[in-house]
Amino acid sequence: RFSRRKHDPRFPEQAIRFCLDQAGLS
């Protein structure tokens, strides 16, 4: 959803950053 590459298999760095930001964590 972040990379705009369908079925992206790579390390989910952008998804991790969102999830941590949503929780207010590092």
PDB file of all heavy atoms in Angstrom:
ATOM      1  N   ARG A   1       0.828  -1.212   0.000  1.00  0.00           N
ATOM      2  CA  ARG A   1       0.000   0.000   0.000  1.00  0.00           C
ATOM      3  C   ARG A   1       0.865   1.266   0.000  1.00  0.00           C
ATOM      4  O   ARG A   1       0.430   2.310  -0.497  1.00  0.00           O
ATOM      5  CB  ARG A   1      -0.932   0.006   1.210  1.00  0.00           C
ATOM      6  CG  ARG A   1      -1.788  -1.251   1.347  1.00  0.00           C
ATOM      7  CD  ARG A   1      -2.790  -1.421   0.217  1.00  0.00           C
ATOM      8  NE  ARG A   1      -3.489  -2.691   0.303  1.00  0.00           N
ATOM      9  CZ  ARG A   1      -4.579  -2.908   1.026  1.00  0.00           C
ATOM     10  NH1 ARG A   1      -5.095  -1.911   1.735  1.00  0.00           N
ATOM     11  NH2 ARG A   1      -5.142  -4.091   1.038  1.00  0.00           N
ATOM     12  N   PHE A   2       2.068   1.163   0.571  1.00  0.00           N
ATOM     13  CA  PHE A   2       2.969   2.315   0.641  1.00  0.00           C
ATOM     14  C   PHE A   2       3.923   2.349  -0.555  1.00  0.00           C
ATOM     15  O   PHE A   2       4.195   3.413  -1.101  1.00  0.00           O
ATOM     16  CB  PHE A   2       3.772   2.273   1.946  1.00  0.00           C
ATOM     17  CG  PHE A   2       2.914   2.215   3.174  1.00  0.00           C
ATOM     18  CD1 PHE A   2       2.564   0.993   3.742  1.00  0.00           C
ATOM     19  CD2 PHE A   2       2.441   3.374   3.764  1.00  0.00           C
ATOM     20  CE1 PHE A   2       1.772   0.935   4.876  1.00  0.00           C
ATOM     21  CE2 PHE A   2       1.643   3.329   4.898  1.00  0.00           C
ATOM     22  CZ  PHE A   2       1.302   2.101   5.458  1.00  0.00           C
ATOM     23  N   SER A   3       4.424   1.181  -0.945  1.00  0.00           N
ATOM     24  CA  SER A   3       5.393   1.116  -2.048  1.00  0.00           C
ATOM     25  C   SER A   3       4.729   1.211  -3.406  1.00  0.00           C
ATOM     26  O   SER A   3       5.400   1.505  -4.398  1.00  0.00           O
ATOM     27  CB  SER A   3       6.195  -0.182  -1.959  1.00  0.00           C
ATOM     28  OG  SER A   3       5.375  -1.311  -2.250  1.00  0.00           O
ATOM     29  N   ARG A   4       3.397   0.924  -3.469  1.00  0.00           N
ATOM     30  CA  ARG A   4       2.619   0.873  -4.714  1.00  0.00           C
ATOM     31  C   ARG A   4       3.105  -0.251  -5.629  1.00  0.00           C
ATOM     32  O   ARG A   4       2.909  -0.206  -6.849  1.00  0.00           O
ATOM     33  CB  ARG A   4       2.637   2.214  -5.457  1.00  0.00           C
ATOM     34  CG  ARG A   4       2.302   3.426  -4.612  1.00  0.00           C
ATOM     35  CD  ARG A   4       1.034   3.271  -3.813  1.00  0.00           C
ATOM     36  NE  ARG A   4      -0.151   3.042  -4.648  1.00  0.00           N
ATOM     37  CZ  ARG A   4      -1.251   2.406  -4.218  1.00  0.00           C
ATOM     38  NH1 ARG A   4      -1.316   1.945  -2.981  1.00  0.00           N
ATOM     39  NH2 ARG A   4      -2.268   2.241  -5.026  1.00  0.00           N
ATOM     40  N   ARG A   5       3.713  -1.264  -5.059  1.00  0.00           N
ATOM     41  CA  ARG A   5       4.163  -2.448  -5.796  1.00  0.00           C
ATOM     42  C   ARG A   5       3.319  -3.628  -5.327  1.00  0.00           C
ATOM     43  O   ARG A   5       3.458  -4.097  -4.206  1.00  0.00           O
ATOM     44  CB  ARG A   5       5.646  -2.704  -5.525  1.00  0.00           C
ATOM     45  CG  ARG A   5       6.198  -3.960  -6.164  1.00  0.00           C
ATOM     46  CD  ARG A   5       7.698  -4.031  -5.890  1.00  0.00           C
ATOM     47  NE  ARG A   5       8.247  -5.330  -6.252  1.00  0.00           N
ATOM     48  CZ  ARG A   5       9.518  -5.657  -6.138  1.00  0.00           C
ATOM     49  NH1 ARG A   5      10.398  -4.769  -5.657  1.00  0.00           N
ATOM     50  NH2 ARG A   5       9.950  -6.857  -6.470  1.00  0.00           N
ATOM     51  N   LYS A   6       2.446  -4.124  -6.184  1.00  0.00           N
ATOM     52  CA  LYS A   6       1.474  -5.127  -5.771  1.00  0.00           C
ATOM     53  C   LYS A   6       2.157  -6.403  -5.286  1.00  0.00           C
ATOM     54  O   LYS A   6       3.087  -6.903  -5.912  1.00  0.00           O
ATOM     55  CB  LYS A   6       0.519  -5.444  -6.925  1.00  0.00           C
ATOM     56  CG  LYS A   6      -0.736  -6.183  -6.465  1.00  0.00           C
ATOM     57  CD  LYS A   6      -1.799  -6.185  -7.541  1.00  0.00           C
ATOM     58  CE  LYS A   6      -3.104  -6.795  -7.016  1.00  0.00           C
ATOM     59  NZ  LYS A   6      -4.156  -6.812  -8.028  1.00  0.00           N
ATOM     60  N   HIS A   7       1.669  -6.919  -4.155  1.00  0.00           N
ATOM     61  CA  HIS A   7       2.221  -8.116  -3.505  1.00  0.00           C
ATOM     62  C   HIS A   7       3.702  -7.940  -3.168  1.00  0.00           C
ATOM     63  O   HIS A   7       4.487  -8.878  -3.247  1.00  0.00           O
ATOM     64  CB  HIS A   7       2.016  -9.360  -4.373  1.00  0.00           C
ATOM     65  CG  HIS A   7       0.588  -9.626  -4.734  1.00  0.00           C
ATOM     66  ND1 HIS A   7      -0.389  -9.829  -3.793  1.00  0.00           N
ATOM     67  CD2 HIS A   7      -0.027  -9.709  -5.941  1.00  0.00           C
ATOM     68  CE1 HIS A   7      -1.552 -10.026  -4.401  1.00  0.00           C
ATOM     69  NE2 HIS A   7      -1.354  -9.952  -5.701  1.00  0.00           N
ATOM     70  N   ASP A   8       4.087  -6.754  -2.790  1.00  0.00           N
ATOM     71  CA  ASP A   8       5.488  -6.442  -2.487  1.00  0.00           C
ATOM     72  C   ASP A   8       6.019  -7.404  -1.417  1.00  0.00           C
ATOM     73  O   ASP A   8       5.487  -7.458  -0.308  1.00  0.00           O
ATOM     74  CB  ASP A   8       5.591  -4.997  -1.997  1.00  0.00           C
ATOM     75  CG  ASP A   8       7.012  -4.485  -1.995  1.00  0.00           C
ATOM     76  OD1 ASP A   8       7.951  -5.300  -2.004  1.00  0.00           O
ATOM     77  OD2 ASP A   8       7.192  -3.247  -1.983  1.00  0.00           O
ATOM     78  N   PRO A   9       7.086  -8.177  -1.725  1.00  0.00           N
ATOM     79  CA  PRO A   9       7.593  -9.134  -0.744  1.00  0.00           C
ATOM     80  C   PRO A   9       8.741  -8.600   0.106  1.00  0.00           C
ATOM     81  O   PRO A   9       9.227  -9.298   0.997  1.00  0.00           O
ATOM     82  CB  PRO A   9       8.114 -10.265  -1.639  1.00  0.00           C
ATOM     83  CG  PRO A   9       8.645  -9.551  -2.845  1.00  0.00           C
ATOM     84  CD  PRO A   9       7.741  -8.337  -3.041  1.00  0.00           C
ATOM     85  N   ARG A  10       9.172  -7.373  -0.149  1.00  0.00           N
ATOM     86  CA  ARG A  10      10.383  -6.865   0.495  1.00  0.00           C
ATOM     87  C   ARG A  10      10.164  -6.556   1.981  1.00  0.00           C
ATOM     88  O   ARG A  10       9.037  -6.542   2.468  1.00  0.00           O
ATOM     89  CB  ARG A  10      10.852  -5.613  -0.250  1.00  0.00           C
ATOM     90  CG  ARG A  10      11.280  -5.892  -1.696  1.00  0.00           C
ATOM     91  CD  ARG A  10      11.557  -4.608  -2.456  1.00  0.00           C
ATOM     92  NE  ARG A  10      10.353  -3.783  -2.590  1.00  0.00           N
ATOM     93  CZ  ARG A  10      10.336  -2.598  -3.191  1.00  0.00           C
ATOM     94  NH1 ARG A  10      11.452  -2.097  -3.702  1.00  0.00           N
ATOM     95  NH2 ARG A  10       9.203  -1.908  -3.268  1.00  0.00           N
ATOM     96  N   PHE A  11      11.259  -6.334   2.684  1.00  0.00           N
ATOM     97  CA  PHE A  11      11.174  -5.970   4.095  1.00  0.00           C
ATOM     98  C   PHE A  11      10.206  -4.789   4.251  1.00  0.00           C
ATOM     99  O   PHE A  11      10.357  -3.767   3.575  1.00  0.00           O
ATOM    100  CB  PHE A  11      12.554  -5.585   4.615  1.00  0.00           C
ATOM    101  CG  PHE A  11      12.581  -5.262   6.076  1.00  0.00           C
ATOM    102  CD1 PHE A  11      12.548  -6.266   7.018  1.00  0.00           C
ATOM    103  CD2 PHE A  11      12.635  -3.941   6.505  1.00  0.00           C
ATOM    104  CE1 PHE A  11      12.569  -5.968   8.381  1.00  0.00           C
ATOM    105  CE2 PHE A  11      12.655  -3.628   7.861  1.00  0.00           C
ATOM    106  CZ  PHE A  11      12.627  -4.646   8.800  1.00  0.00           C
ATOM    107  N   PRO A  12       9.212  -4.900   5.127  1.00  0.00           N
ATOM    108  CA  PRO A  12       8.127  -3.900   5.164  1.00  0.00           C
ATOM    109  C   PRO A  12       8.477  -2.644   5.954  1.00  0.00           C
ATOM    110  O   PRO A  12       7.805  -2.278   6.927  1.00  0.00           O
ATOM    111  CB  PRO A  12       6.979  -4.678   5.823  1.00  0.00           C
ATOM    112  CG  PRO A  12       7.675  -5.625   6.747  1.00  0.00           C
ATOM    113  CD  PRO A  12       8.945  -6.037   6.021  1.00  0.00           C
ATOM    114  N   GLU A  13       9.500  -1.941   5.520  1.00  0.00           N
ATOM    115  CA  GLU A  13       9.991  -0.795   6.270  1.00  0.00           C
ATOM    116  C   GLU A  13       8.943   0.307   6.397  1.00  0.00           C
ATOM    117  O   GLU A  13       8.749   0.883   7.483  1.00  0.00           O
ATOM    118  CB  GLU A  13      11.250  -0.232   5.614  1.00  0.00           C
ATOM    119  CG  GLU A  13      11.839   0.951   6.364  1.00  0.00           C
ATOM    120  CD  GLU A  13      13.168   1.425   5.816  1.00  0.00           C
ATOM    121  OE1 GLU A  13      13.795   0.654   5.051  1.00  0.00           O
ATOM    122  OE2 GLU A  13      13.574   2.549   6.135  1.00  0.00           O
ATOM    123  N   GLN A  14       8.247   0.606   5.284  1.00  0.00           N
ATOM    124  CA  GLN A  14       7.257   1.684   5.349  1.00  0.00           C
ATOM    125  C   GLN A  14       6.052   1.279   6.197  1.00  0.00           C
ATOM    126  O   GLN A  14       5.498   2.105   6.941  1.00  0.00           O
ATOM    127  CB  GLN A  14       6.804   2.055   3.933  1.00  0.00           C
ATOM    128  CG  GLN A  14       7.913   2.655   3.094  1.00  0.00           C
ATOM    129  CD  GLN A  14       7.433   2.996   1.705  1.00  0.00           C
ATOM    130  OE1 GLN A  14       6.820   4.047   1.484  1.00  0.00           O
ATOM    131  NE2 GLN A  14       7.678   2.112   0.739  1.00  0.00           N
ATOM    132  N   ALA A  15       5.647   0.012   6.101  1.00  0.00           N
ATOM    133  CA  ALA A  15       4.547  -0.469   6.943  1.00  0.00           C
ATOM    134  C   ALA A  15       4.939  -0.436   8.412  1.00  0.00           C
ATOM    135  O   ALA A  15       4.127  -0.085   9.286  1.00  0.00           O
ATOM    136  CB  ALA A  15       4.144  -1.881   6.514  1.00  0.00           C
ATOM    137  N   ILE A  16       6.187  -0.804   8.711  1.00  0.00           N
ATOM    138  CA  ILE A  16       6.663  -0.761  10.102  1.00  0.00           C
ATOM    139  C   ILE A  16       6.656   0.671  10.622  1.00  0.00           C
ATOM    140  O   ILE A  16       6.205   0.942  11.748  1.00  0.00           O
ATOM    141  CB  ILE A  16       8.075  -1.370  10.199  1.00  0.00           C
ATOM    142  CG1 ILE A  16       8.027  -2.885   9.949  1.00  0.00           C
ATOM    143  CG2 ILE A  16       8.689  -1.088  11.573  1.00  0.00           C
ATOM    144  CD1 ILE A  16       9.401  -3.527   9.818  1.00  0.00           C
ATOM    145  N   ARG A  17       7.151   1.602   9.809  1.00  0.00           N
ATOM    146  CA  ARG A  17       7.181   3.006  10.254  1.00  0.00           C
ATOM    147  C   ARG A  17       5.769   3.511  10.552  1.00  0.00           C
ATOM    148  O   ARG A  17       5.551   4.202  11.557  1.00  0.00           O
ATOM    149  CB  ARG A  17       7.858   3.878   9.201  1.00  0.00           C
ATOM    150  CG  ARG A  17       9.352   3.637   9.071  1.00  0.00           C
ATOM    151  CD  ARG A  17      10.029   4.711   8.242  1.00  0.00           C
ATOM    152  NE  ARG A  17      11.422   4.393   7.990  1.00  0.00           N
ATOM    153  CZ  ARG A  17      12.410   4.572   8.868  1.00  0.00           C
ATOM    154  NH1 ARG A  17      12.135   5.068  10.066  1.00  0.00           N
ATOM    155  NH2 ARG A  17      13.656   4.266   8.553  1.00  0.00           N
ATOM    156  N   PHE A  18       4.816   3.173   9.672  1.00  0.00           N
ATOM    157  CA  PHE A  18       3.448   3.596   9.954  1.00  0.00           C
ATOM    158  C   PHE A  18       2.945   2.989  11.261  1.00  0.00           C
ATOM    159  O   PHE A  18       2.369   3.690  12.113  1.00  0.00           O
ATOM    160  CB  PHE A  18       2.499   3.201   8.820  1.00  0.00           C
ATOM    161  CG  PHE A  18       1.087   3.058   9.295  1.00  0.00           C
ATOM    162  CD1 PHE A  18       0.353   4.175   9.657  1.00  0.00           C
ATOM    163  CD2 PHE A  18       0.518   1.799   9.485  1.00  0.00           C
ATOM    164  CE1 PHE A  18      -0.921   4.053  10.188  1.00  0.00           C
ATOM    165  CE2 PHE A  18      -0.763   1.667   9.994  1.00  0.00           C
ATOM    166  CZ  PHE A  18      -1.490   2.803  10.339  1.00  0.00           C
ATOM    167  N   CYS A  19       3.133   1.669  11.419  1.00  0.00           N
ATOM    168  CA  CYS A  19       2.593   0.991  12.600  1.00  0.00           C
ATOM    169  C   CYS A  19       3.187   1.558  13.882  1.00  0.00           C
ATOM    170  O   CYS A  19       2.480   1.747  14.890  1.00  0.00           O
ATOM    171  CB  CYS A  19       2.872  -0.514  12.513  1.00  0.00           C
ATOM    172  SG  CYS A  19       1.865  -1.381  11.290  1.00  0.00           S
ATOM    173  N   LEU A  20       4.477   1.848  13.869  1.00  0.00           N
ATOM    174  CA  LEU A  20       5.110   2.429  15.056  1.00  0.00           C
ATOM    175  C   LEU A  20       4.619   3.858  15.304  1.00  0.00           C
ATOM    176  O   LEU A  20       4.342   4.239  16.449  1.00  0.00           O
ATOM    177  CB  LEU A  20       6.629   2.411  14.891  1.00  0.00           C
ATOM    178  CG  LEU A  20       7.287   1.024  14.902  1.00  0.00           C
ATOM    179  CD1 LEU A  20       8.780   1.137  14.591  1.00  0.00           C
ATOM    180  CD2 LEU A  20       7.089   0.329  16.247  1.00  0.00           C
ATOM    181  N   ASP A  21       4.508   4.644  14.243  1.00  0.00           N
ATOM    182  CA  ASP A  21       4.007   6.016  14.390  1.00  0.00           C
ATOM    183  C   ASP A  21       2.594   6.025  14.957  1.00  0.00           C
ATOM    184  O   ASP A  21       2.243   6.862  15.808  1.00  0.00           O
ATOM    185  CB  ASP A  21       4.024   6.731  13.038  1.00  0.00           C
ATOM    186  CG  ASP A  21       5.428   7.085  12.575  1.00  0.00           C
ATOM    187  OD1 ASP A  21       6.362   7.014  13.392  1.00  0.00           O
ATOM    188  OD2 ASP A  21       5.600   7.403  11.382  1.00  0.00           O
ATOM    189  N   GLN A  22       1.765   5.101  14.484  1.00  0.00           N
ATOM    190  CA  GLN A  22       0.381   5.020  14.960  1.00  0.00           C
ATOM    191  C   GLN A  22       0.340   4.729  16.454  1.00  0.00           C
ATOM    192  O   GLN A  22      -0.538   5.219  17.180  1.00  0.00           O
ATOM    193  CB  GLN A  22      -0.366   3.932  14.182  1.00  0.00           C
ATOM    194  CG  GLN A  22      -1.851   3.836  14.488  1.00  0.00           C
ATOM    195  CD  GLN A  22      -2.660   5.008  13.934  1.00  0.00           C
ATOM    196  OE1 GLN A  22      -2.290   5.597  12.926  1.00  0.00           O
ATOM    197  NE2 GLN A  22      -3.759   5.342  14.585  1.00  0.00           N
ATOM    198  N   ALA A  23       1.307   3.939  16.927  1.00  0.00           N
ATOM    199  CA  ALA A  23       1.361   3.578  18.345  1.00  0.00           C
ATOM    200  C   ALA A  23       2.182   4.569  19.169  1.00  0.00           C
ATOM    201  O   ALA A  23       2.243   4.441  20.397  1.00  0.00           O
ATOM    202  CB  ALA A  23       1.961   2.182  18.482  1.00  0.00           C
ATOM    203  N   GLY A  24       2.822   5.544  18.496  1.00  0.00           N
ATOM    204  CA  GLY A  24       3.668   6.494  19.204  1.00  0.00           C
ATOM    205  C   GLY A  24       4.939   5.872  19.735  1.00  0.00           C
ATOM    206  O   GLY A  24       5.434   6.258  20.813  1.00  0.00           O
ATOM    207  N   LEU A  25       5.496   4.922  18.985  1.00  0.00           N
ATOM    208  CA  LEU A  25       6.666   4.166  19.434  1.00  0.00           C
ATOM    209  C   LEU A  25       7.824   4.302  18.450  1.00  0.00           C
ATOM    210  O   LEU A  25       7.630   4.667  17.289  1.00  0.00           O
ATOM    211  CB  LEU A  25       6.317   2.675  19.567  1.00  0.00           C
ATOM    212  CG  LEU A  25       5.189   2.289  20.530  1.00  0.00           C
ATOM    213  CD1 LEU A  25       4.851   0.815  20.365  1.00  0.00           C
ATOM    214  CD2 LEU A  25       5.601   2.588  21.976  1.00  0.00           C
ATOM    215  N   SER A  26       8.998   3.949  18.912  1.00  0.00           N
ATOM    216  CA  SER A  26      10.166   3.779  18.056  1.00  0.00           C
ATOM    217  C   SER A  26      10.611   2.323  18.136  1.00  0.00           C
ATOM    218  O   SER A  26      10.121   1.550  18.973  1.00  0.00           O
ATOM    219  CB  SER A  26      11.306   4.697  18.519  1.00  0.00           C
ATOM    220  OG  SER A  26      11.783   4.279  19.788  1.00  0.00           O
TER     221      SER A  26
END
